[in-house]
Structure formats: C-alpha cells, structure tokens
Amino acid sequence: MANVNPSHQSIFSSGTPSRGRFFLELIAAFLITRLPYINVPFKWFESYFHELSHGIATLITGGIVSHIQLFPNGAGLCYSQGGNAVMIAFSGYLGAAIWGYLIFLLATWRDGIRITLSILALTILVSVILWARDLLTIAILLCLSGLILLPLKLKNSRPLNSLLRILGLMIILNAMASPMVLFGLNGQGDAVALAQITWIPAWCWVVIWLAVSCGMLWLCWQKVDSTKGSIK
C-alpha cells in the first residue's frame, strides 16, 4: 500500500483546492460571467442573493418583506415595509459578496457537498413560497434551484466541489462588477438611496462595496493559500 502524505490526505478529504486549481476556477468564473447569454443564470444567482440579503436585513431590523422580484436581465427588487433603511439598502451588495464567500467556503467541505447543494436549493425553494409572487420570478427561482440540484447526478463529489466553488466566485465577481454600473447611473440604485439618507456621496458606498467584494475574494484565496501550487 502506497504511503499518503497526511497533509495531502487532509486537503483531499476537505475539498480545499490547490493554488493552481483555484486560479483555474477563478479564470473560469471570470470568463463565464463575460459570456453573453450563458452568464444570464449566474447573474440571477447574484441578483437573488442580493435581494435575499435585503430581505434578511429587513427582517433583522424589524421590518416586513412583501415580496421579491427578479428580471431576465439580472436586475431585482425587494419590496418591504419598516426596518432600518440604511442597513436594508447597504445589505444588498454586501450580502451577495458574503454569500459568494460562504458558498465557496462550504464547497471546501468535500464530504458535505451534497448536503450543501441540497440546503442551497431548499433555501431558494423556501424563497419561492414566502416571497415570490409573479410567474417570472417563480420561474427564475425554480431554474436556479434546478441548476443547484442538477450536479447531484454526478457520482464523483470532486467535480461538485469545483462547480460550487466556481459558482461562489462568480457571485463574488458579479457582486464586484454590479456596483460599478452605478457610477454611470443618475438617481438610481442602492448607492443613490444611501446617499439621500446619509448625505454620504453615492461613490463612497460603491467603493465600500467593491472593497468588501475584494475582501471576500481575498478570503477565498486565504482558504487555499496554504496548499501547494500544483493543480489538484
């Protein structure tokens, strides 16, 4: 029987990628987010977690969520009453970046990957029941749930981890790119809403969101930083 290096065995069982694999997954995530049509479902993921974060912030601060609405172009809205307006407006891009990191982190739990995918799909389905009111939003959420469950047909768990890590990275990259669009919009978006409430310029909020997204990406790198540079 061949001897196995304990550190390699730990990395293999945990699902933590090597540095080389991390860069490949990051490149794959970047390219997919730039491909027309193919990138649309992944924009939906970022939009869903963005609006979900608005909803969670609303509930935490004592408000009520009426419903969420998602659109084919990747935009979304969260309709709510009450709660802390600053926290609710700020939480969208912040939450999306954090969700991306959490998904990446869970994807390093190799033995629990199927549980992770099932929980994510269940979260989306619960959102359909609680907060989806129009047929288009319901269809988009069901599509996202299907995309999450589809990889479960793979018998080998290793590709599942890789696919989920790529998804987490794509959500972070979309959360990083989306606020940049706000620089070119006048009178629209969460940054403008925050500027009107706090008197802090909209561009300051955009910079904060970008810093958070970069921080989440750095945390992903830190997760694989102790591994070797070979692709495993």
C-alpha atoms as a PDB file:
ATOM      1  CA  MET A   1       0.000   0.000   0.000  1.00  0.00           C
ATOM      2  CA  ALA A   2       1.381   3.397  -1.003  1.00  0.00           C
ATOM      3  CA  ASN A   3       2.137   5.919   1.736  1.00  0.00           C
ATOM      4  CA  VAL A   4      -0.010   9.060   1.649  1.00  0.00           C
ATOM      5  CA  ASN A   5       1.240  12.368   2.921  1.00  0.00           C
ATOM      6  CA  PRO A   6      -1.120  13.368   5.796  1.00  0.00           C
ATOM      7  CA  SER A   7      -1.335  16.955   4.602  1.00  0.00           C
ATOM      8  CA  HIS A   8      -2.272  15.831   1.097  1.00  0.00           C
ATOM      9  CA  GLN A   9      -4.852  13.457   2.507  1.00  0.00           C
ATOM     10  CA  SER A  10      -6.368  16.273   4.603  1.00  0.00           C
ATOM     11  CA  ILE A  11      -6.575  18.572   1.569  1.00  0.00           C
ATOM     12  CA  PHE A  12      -8.131  15.794  -0.497  1.00  0.00           C
ATOM     13  CA  SER A  13     -10.775  14.962   2.092  1.00  0.00           C
ATOM     14  CA  SER A  14     -11.589  18.596   2.868  1.00  0.00           C
ATOM     15  CA  GLY A  15     -12.060  19.602  -0.772  1.00  0.00           C
ATOM     16  CA  THR A  16      -9.685  22.553  -0.433  1.00  0.00           C
ATOM     17  CA  PRO A  17      -8.238  23.282  -3.894  1.00  0.00           C
ATOM     18  CA  SER A  18      -4.591  23.841  -4.653  1.00  0.00           C
ATOM     19  CA  ARG A  19      -3.419  27.283  -5.721  1.00  0.00           C
ATOM     20  CA  GLY A  20      -3.271  26.174  -9.347  1.00  0.00           C
ATOM     21  CA  ARG A  21      -6.828  24.850  -9.291  1.00  0.00           C
ATOM     22  CA  PHE A  22      -8.037  27.999  -7.528  1.00  0.00           C
ATOM     23  CA  PHE A  23      -6.646  30.186 -10.313  1.00  0.00           C
ATOM     24  CA  LEU A  24      -8.226  27.940 -12.943  1.00  0.00           C
ATOM     25  CA  GLU A  25     -11.568  28.171 -11.188  1.00  0.00           C
ATOM     26  CA  LEU A  26     -11.234  31.948 -10.824  1.00  0.00           C
ATOM     27  CA  ILE A  27     -10.448  32.303 -14.536  1.00  0.00           C
ATOM     28  CA  ALA A  28     -13.384  30.028 -15.404  1.00  0.00           C
ATOM     29  CA  ALA A  29     -15.666  32.114 -13.175  1.00  0.00           C
ATOM     30  CA  PHE A  30     -14.463  35.366 -14.794  1.00  0.00           C
ATOM     31  CA  LEU A  31     -14.900  34.044 -18.342  1.00  0.00           C
ATOM     32  CA  ILE A  32     -18.374  32.655 -17.685  1.00  0.00           C
ATOM     33  CA  THR A  33     -19.538  35.984 -16.245  1.00  0.00           C
ATOM     34  CA  ARG A  34     -18.416  37.632 -19.508  1.00  0.00           C
ATOM     35  CA  LEU A  35     -20.110  35.200 -21.923  1.00  0.00           C
ATOM     36  CA  PRO A  36     -23.338  36.579 -23.423  1.00  0.00           C
ATOM     37  CA  TYR A  37     -26.476  34.536 -22.689  1.00  0.00           C
ATOM     38  CA  ILE A  38     -24.521  31.872 -20.787  1.00  0.00           C
ATOM     39  CA  ASN A  39     -23.833  34.350 -17.978  1.00  0.00           C
ATOM     40  CA  VAL A  40     -27.537  35.188 -17.507  1.00  0.00           C
ATOM     41  CA  PRO A  41     -28.404  32.407 -14.986  1.00  0.00           C
ATOM     42  CA  PHE A  42     -25.362  33.353 -12.930  1.00  0.00           C
ATOM     43  CA  LYS A  43     -26.460  36.995 -12.877  1.00  0.00           C
ATOM     44  CA  TRP A  44     -29.724  35.650 -11.482  1.00  0.00           C
ATOM     45  CA  PHE A  45     -27.800  33.988  -8.652  1.00  0.00           C
ATOM     46  CA  GLU A  46     -26.129  37.268  -7.694  1.00  0.00           C
ATOM     47  CA  SER A  47     -29.419  39.121  -8.013  1.00  0.00           C
ATOM     48  CA  TYR A  48     -31.211  36.517  -5.889  1.00  0.00           C
ATOM     49  CA  PHE A  49     -28.657  36.665  -3.070  1.00  0.00           C
ATOM     50  CA  HIS A  50     -28.649  40.458  -3.356  1.00  0.00           C
ATOM     51  CA  GLU A  51     -32.416  40.666  -2.846  1.00  0.00           C
ATOM     52  CA  LEU A  52     -32.336  37.886  -0.239  1.00  0.00           C
ATOM     53  CA  SER A  53     -29.837  39.981   1.736  1.00  0.00           C
ATOM     54  CA  HIS A  54     -32.162  42.979   1.529  1.00  0.00           C
ATOM     55  CA  GLY A  55     -34.933  40.751   2.855  1.00  0.00           C
ATOM     56  CA  ILE A  56     -32.861  39.360   5.720  1.00  0.00           C
ATOM     57  CA  ALA A  57     -31.737  42.876   6.731  1.00  0.00           C
ATOM     58  CA  THR A  58     -35.366  43.974   6.682  1.00  0.00           C
ATOM     59  CA  LEU A  59     -36.425  41.157   8.994  1.00  0.00           C
ATOM     60  CA  ILE A  60     -33.456  41.627  11.336  1.00  0.00           C
ATOM     61  CA  THR A  61     -34.223  45.339  11.751  1.00  0.00           C
ATOM     62  CA  GLY A  62     -37.909  44.735  12.466  1.00  0.00           C
ATOM     63  CA  GLY A  63     -39.406  45.241   9.018  1.00  0.00           C
ATOM     64  CA  ILE A  64     -41.703  43.113   6.878  1.00  0.00           C
ATOM     65  CA  VAL A  65     -40.840  41.687   3.455  1.00  0.00           C
ATOM     66  CA  SER A  66     -43.724  41.759   1.000  1.00  0.00           C
ATOM     67  CA  HIS A  67     -42.048  40.003  -1.930  1.00  0.00           C
ATOM     68  CA  ILE A  68     -39.008  39.927  -4.168  1.00  0.00           C
ATOM     69  CA  GLN A  69     -38.961  40.294  -7.917  1.00  0.00           C
ATOM     70  CA  LEU A  70     -36.307  39.128 -10.376  1.00  0.00           C
ATOM     71  CA  PHE A  71     -35.970  40.120 -14.020  1.00  0.00           C
ATOM     72  CA  PRO A  72     -34.431  38.329 -17.040  1.00  0.00           C
ATOM     73  CA  ASN A  73     -31.623  40.898 -17.348  1.00  0.00           C
ATOM     74  CA  GLY A  74     -30.334  40.107 -13.841  1.00  0.00           C
ATOM     75  CA  ALA A  75     -31.968  43.029 -12.063  1.00  0.00           C
ATOM     76  CA  GLY A  76     -34.111  42.551  -8.989  1.00  0.00           C
ATOM     77  CA  LEU A  77     -36.237  44.303  -6.391  1.00  0.00           C
ATOM     78  CA  CYS A  78     -37.160  43.635  -2.776  1.00  0.00           C
ATOM     79  CA  TYR A  79     -40.429  45.150  -1.600  1.00  0.00           C
ATOM     80  CA  SER A  80     -40.567  45.735   2.143  1.00  0.00           C
ATOM     81  CA  GLN A  81     -42.033  47.893   4.881  1.00  0.00           C
ATOM     82  CA  GLY A  82     -40.305  49.192   8.010  1.00  0.00           C
ATOM     83  CA  GLY A  83     -36.857  48.255   9.209  1.00  0.00           C
ATOM     84  CA  ASN A  84     -33.656  50.285   9.165  1.00  0.00           C
ATOM     85  CA  ALA A  85     -33.425  51.933   5.745  1.00  0.00           C
ATOM     86  CA  VAL A  86     -29.623  52.300   5.831  1.00  0.00           C
ATOM     87  CA  MET A  87     -28.972  48.680   6.753  1.00  0.00           C
ATOM     88  CA  ILE A  88     -31.500  47.436   4.211  1.00  0.00           C
ATOM     89  CA  ALA A  89     -30.061  49.484   1.341  1.00  0.00           C
ATOM     90  CA  PHE A  90     -26.468  48.666   2.286  1.00  0.00           C
ATOM     91  CA  SER A  91     -27.018  44.937   2.695  1.00  0.00           C
ATOM     92  CA  GLY A  92     -27.662  44.025  -0.950  1.00  0.00           C
ATOM     93  CA  TYR A  93     -24.183  44.131  -2.465  1.00  0.00           C
ATOM     94  CA  LEU A  94     -22.627  43.398   0.900  1.00  0.00           C
ATOM     95  CA  GLY A  95     -24.733  40.274   1.347  1.00  0.00           C
ATOM     96  CA  ALA A  96     -24.198  38.988  -2.187  1.00  0.00           C
ATOM     97  CA  ALA A  97     -20.406  39.099  -1.735  1.00  0.00           C
ATOM     98  CA  ILE A  98     -20.647  37.346   1.638  1.00  0.00           C
ATOM     99  CA  TRP A  99     -22.971  34.686   0.229  1.00  0.00           C
ATOM    100  CA  GLY A 100     -20.444  34.052  -2.553  1.00  0.00           C
ATOM    101  CA  TYR A 101     -17.697  33.529   0.003  1.00  0.00           C
ATOM    102  CA  LEU A 102     -19.861  31.261   2.162  1.00  0.00           C
ATOM    103  CA  ILE A 103     -20.711  29.129  -0.870  1.00  0.00           C
ATOM    104  CA  PHE A 104     -17.011  28.886  -1.742  1.00  0.00           C
ATOM    105  CA  LEU A 105     -16.215  28.010   1.866  1.00  0.00           C
ATOM    106  CA  LEU A 106     -18.893  25.305   2.005  1.00  0.00           C
ATOM    107  CA  ALA A 107     -17.545  23.900  -1.257  1.00  0.00           C
ATOM    108  CA  THR A 108     -14.291  23.082   0.540  1.00  0.00           C
ATOM    109  CA  TRP A 109     -16.273  20.681   2.759  1.00  0.00           C
ATOM    110  CA  ARG A 110     -15.946  17.742   0.439  1.00  0.00           C
ATOM    111  CA  ASP A 111     -17.898  15.169   2.415  1.00  0.00           C
ATOM    112  CA  GLY A 112     -20.811  17.547   2.877  1.00  0.00           C
ATOM    113  CA  ILE A 113     -21.094  18.855  -0.673  1.00  0.00           C
ATOM    114  CA  ARG A 114     -24.392  17.103  -1.388  1.00  0.00           C
ATOM    115  CA  ILE A 115     -25.867  18.425   1.841  1.00  0.00           C
ATOM    116  CA  THR A 116     -24.655  21.913   0.917  1.00  0.00           C
ATOM    117  CA  LEU A 117     -26.260  21.794  -2.516  1.00  0.00           C
ATOM    118  CA  SER A 118     -29.496  20.491  -1.060  1.00  0.00           C
ATOM    119  CA  ILE A 119     -29.606  23.275   1.571  1.00  0.00           C
ATOM    120  CA  LEU A 120     -28.980  25.944  -1.078  1.00  0.00           C
ATOM    121  CA  ALA A 121     -31.735  24.541  -3.284  1.00  0.00           C
ATOM    122  CA  LEU A 122     -34.079  24.351  -0.293  1.00  0.00           C
ATOM    123  CA  THR A 123     -33.321  27.986   0.595  1.00  0.00           C
ATOM    124  CA  ILE A 124     -34.315  29.057  -2.912  1.00  0.00           C
ATOM    125  CA  LEU A 125     -37.491  26.959  -2.814  1.00  0.00           C
ATOM    126  CA  VAL A 126     -38.464  28.473   0.554  1.00  0.00           C
ATOM    127  CA  SER A 127     -37.983  31.916  -1.017  1.00  0.00           C
ATOM    128  CA  VAL A 128     -40.407  30.877  -3.769  1.00  0.00           C
ATOM    129  CA  ILE A 129     -43.037  30.022  -1.166  1.00  0.00           C
ATOM    130  CA  LEU A 130     -42.503  33.074   1.046  1.00  0.00           C
ATOM    131  CA  TRP A 131     -41.533  35.906  -1.255  1.00  0.00           C
ATOM    132  CA  ALA A 132     -42.188  35.106  -4.920  1.00  0.00           C
ATOM    133  CA  ARG A 133     -45.478  36.462  -6.272  1.00  0.00           C
ATOM    134  CA  ASP A 134     -45.139  36.797 -10.054  1.00  0.00           C
ATOM    135  CA  LEU A 135     -44.702  33.940 -12.514  1.00  0.00           C
ATOM    136  CA  LEU A 136     -41.418  35.255 -13.946  1.00  0.00           C
ATOM    137  CA  THR A 137     -39.729  35.419 -10.530  1.00  0.00           C
ATOM    138  CA  ILE A 138     -41.063  31.962  -9.660  1.00  0.00           C
ATOM    139  CA  ALA A 139     -39.718  30.585 -12.952  1.00  0.00           C
ATOM    140  CA  ILE A 140     -36.290  32.150 -12.396  1.00  0.00           C
ATOM    141  CA  LEU A 141     -36.044  30.817  -8.831  1.00  0.00           C
ATOM    142  CA  LEU A 142     -37.115  27.328  -9.915  1.00  0.00           C
ATOM    143  CA  CYS A 143     -34.465  27.492 -12.652  1.00  0.00           C
ATOM    144  CA  LEU A 144     -31.814  28.419 -10.069  1.00  0.00           C
ATOM    145  CA  SER A 145     -32.934  25.589  -7.797  1.00  0.00           C
ATOM    146  CA  GLY A 146     -32.704  23.172 -10.719  1.00  0.00           C
ATOM    147  CA  LEU A 147     -29.201  24.356 -11.583  1.00  0.00           C
ATOM    148  CA  ILE A 148     -28.149  23.752  -7.972  1.00  0.00           C
ATOM    149  CA  LEU A 149     -29.632  20.244  -7.893  1.00  0.00           C
ATOM    150  CA  LEU A 150     -28.511  19.180 -11.382  1.00  0.00           C
ATOM    151  CA  PRO A 151     -24.859  18.460 -10.424  1.00  0.00           C
ATOM    152  CA  LEU A 152     -26.072  15.974  -7.794  1.00  0.00           C
ATOM    153  CA  LYS A 153     -26.378  13.458 -10.621  1.00  0.00           C
ATOM    154  CA  LEU A 154     -22.574  13.300 -10.714  1.00  0.00           C
ATOM    155  CA  LYS A 155     -21.335  10.288  -8.780  1.00  0.00           C
ATOM    156  CA  ASN A 156     -17.922  11.781  -8.027  1.00  0.00           C
ATOM    157  CA  SER A 157     -18.052  14.542  -5.415  1.00  0.00           C
ATOM    158  CA  ARG A 158     -14.859  16.267  -6.569  1.00  0.00           C
ATOM    159  CA  PRO A 159     -16.444  17.946  -9.639  1.00  0.00           C
ATOM    160  CA  LEU A 160     -19.323  19.052  -7.401  1.00  0.00           C
ATOM    161  CA  ASN A 161     -16.928  20.927  -5.142  1.00  0.00           C
ATOM    162  CA  SER A 162     -15.239  22.566  -8.104  1.00  0.00           C
ATOM    163  CA  LEU A 163     -18.539  23.623  -9.698  1.00  0.00           C
ATOM    164  CA  LEU A 164     -19.790  25.073  -6.422  1.00  0.00           C
ATOM    165  CA  ARG A 165     -16.531  26.945  -5.815  1.00  0.00           C
ATOM    166  CA  ILE A 166     -16.800  28.429  -9.307  1.00  0.00           C
ATOM    167  CA  LEU A 167     -20.384  29.465  -8.550  1.00  0.00           C
ATOM    168  CA  GLY A 168     -19.266  31.170  -5.327  1.00  0.00           C
ATOM    169  CA  LEU A 169     -16.509  33.013  -7.191  1.00  0.00           C
ATOM    170  CA  MET A 170     -18.936  34.100  -9.915  1.00  0.00           C
ATOM    171  CA  ILE A 171     -21.310  35.535  -7.315  1.00  0.00           C
ATOM    172  CA  ILE A 172     -18.425  37.490  -5.784  1.00  0.00           C
ATOM    173  CA  LEU A 173     -17.263  38.740  -9.199  1.00  0.00           C
ATOM    174  CA  ASN A 174     -20.801  39.791 -10.130  1.00  0.00           C
ATOM    175  CA  ALA A 175     -21.181  41.499  -6.752  1.00  0.00           C
ATOM    176  CA  MET A 176     -17.926  43.291  -7.530  1.00  0.00           C
ATOM    177  CA  ALA A 177     -18.977  44.336 -11.045  1.00  0.00           C
ATOM    178  CA  SER A 178     -22.596  45.296 -10.348  1.00  0.00           C
ATOM    179  CA  PRO A 179     -21.896  48.378  -8.166  1.00  0.00           C
ATOM    180  CA  MET A 180     -19.540  49.668 -10.860  1.00  0.00           C
ATOM    181  CA  VAL A 181     -22.570  50.118 -13.097  1.00  0.00           C
ATOM    182  CA  LEU A 182     -23.915  52.577 -10.534  1.00  0.00           C
ATOM    183  CA  PHE A 183     -21.124  55.015 -11.418  1.00  0.00           C
ATOM    184  CA  GLY A 184     -22.881  55.595 -14.729  1.00  0.00           C
ATOM    185  CA  LEU A 185     -26.426  55.901 -13.356  1.00  0.00           C
ATOM    186  CA  ASN A 186     -28.031  59.081 -12.087  1.00  0.00           C
ATOM    187  CA  GLY A 187     -30.745  58.840  -9.467  1.00  0.00           C
ATOM    188  CA  GLN A 188     -30.866  55.035  -9.409  1.00  0.00           C
ATOM    189  CA  GLY A 189     -29.706  52.168  -7.228  1.00  0.00           C
ATOM    190  CA  ASP A 190     -28.855  51.427  -3.625  1.00  0.00           C
ATOM    191  CA  ALA A 191     -25.920  53.847  -3.575  1.00  0.00           C
ATOM    192  CA  VAL A 192     -28.147  56.765  -4.511  1.00  0.00           C
ATOM    193  CA  ALA A 193     -30.705  55.727  -1.892  1.00  0.00           C
ATOM    194  CA  LEU A 194     -27.979  55.603   0.749  1.00  0.00           C
ATOM    195  CA  ALA A 195     -26.638  58.990  -0.347  1.00  0.00           C
ATOM    196  CA  GLN A 196     -30.081  60.519   0.061  1.00  0.00           C
ATOM    197  CA  ILE A 197     -30.493  59.030   3.541  1.00  0.00           C
ATOM    198  CA  THR A 198     -26.995  59.626   4.934  1.00  0.00           C
ATOM    199  CA  TRP A 199     -25.633  62.537   2.849  1.00  0.00           C
ATOM    200  CA  ILE A 200     -22.564  60.404   2.151  1.00  0.00           C
ATOM    201  CA  PRO A 201     -21.806  60.525  -1.611  1.00  0.00           C
ATOM    202  CA  ALA A 202     -23.004  57.546  -3.643  1.00  0.00           C
ATOM    203  CA  TRP A 203     -19.492  56.812  -4.919  1.00  0.00           C
ATOM    204  CA  CYS A 204     -18.320  56.240  -1.321  1.00  0.00           C
ATOM    205  CA  TRP A 205     -20.835  53.411  -0.925  1.00  0.00           C
ATOM    206  CA  VAL A 206     -19.772  51.924  -4.239  1.00  0.00           C
ATOM    207  CA  VAL A 207     -16.127  51.949  -3.123  1.00  0.00           C
ATOM    208  CA  ILE A 208     -17.099  50.248   0.158  1.00  0.00           C
ATOM    209  CA  TRP A 209     -18.963  47.501  -1.711  1.00  0.00           C
ATOM    210  CA  LEU A 210     -16.029  46.984  -4.037  1.00  0.00           C
ATOM    211  CA  ALA A 211     -13.689  46.733  -1.039  1.00  0.00           C
ATOM    212  CA  VAL A 212     -15.966  44.142   0.580  1.00  0.00           C
ATOM    213  CA  SER A 213     -16.088  42.058  -2.610  1.00  0.00           C
ATOM    214  CA  CYS A 214     -12.306  42.229  -2.933  1.00  0.00           C
ATOM    215  CA  GLY A 215     -12.066  41.208   0.720  1.00  0.00           C
ATOM    216  CA  MET A 216     -14.268  38.152   0.136  1.00  0.00           C
ATOM    217  CA  LEU A 217     -12.123  37.202  -2.854  1.00  0.00           C
ATOM    218  CA  TRP A 218      -9.027  37.568  -0.681  1.00  0.00           C
ATOM    219  CA  LEU A 219     -10.588  35.324   1.976  1.00  0.00           C
ATOM    220  CA  CYS A 220     -11.194  32.707  -0.706  1.00  0.00           C
ATOM    221  CA  TRP A 221      -7.523  32.935  -1.624  1.00  0.00           C
ATOM    222  CA  GLN A 222      -6.545  32.634   2.023  1.00  0.00           C
ATOM    223  CA  LYS A 223      -8.502  29.401   2.188  1.00  0.00           C
ATOM    224  CA  VAL A 224      -6.220  27.848  -0.443  1.00  0.00           C
ATOM    225  CA  ASP A 225      -3.054  29.818   0.339  1.00  0.00           C
ATOM    226  CA  SER A 226      -1.536  27.024   2.468  1.00  0.00           C
ATOM    227  CA  THR A 227      -1.791  24.430  -0.290  1.00  0.00           C
ATOM    228  CA  LYS A 228       0.783  23.742  -2.970  1.00  0.00           C
ATOM    229  CA  GLY A 229       0.751  25.397  -6.334  1.00  0.00           C
ATOM    230  CA  SER A 230       0.087  22.264  -8.362  1.00  0.00           C
ATOM    231  CA  ILE A 231      -3.363  21.583  -9.808  1.00  0.00           C
ATOM    232  CA  LYS A 232      -5.168  19.007  -7.702  1.00  0.00           C
END
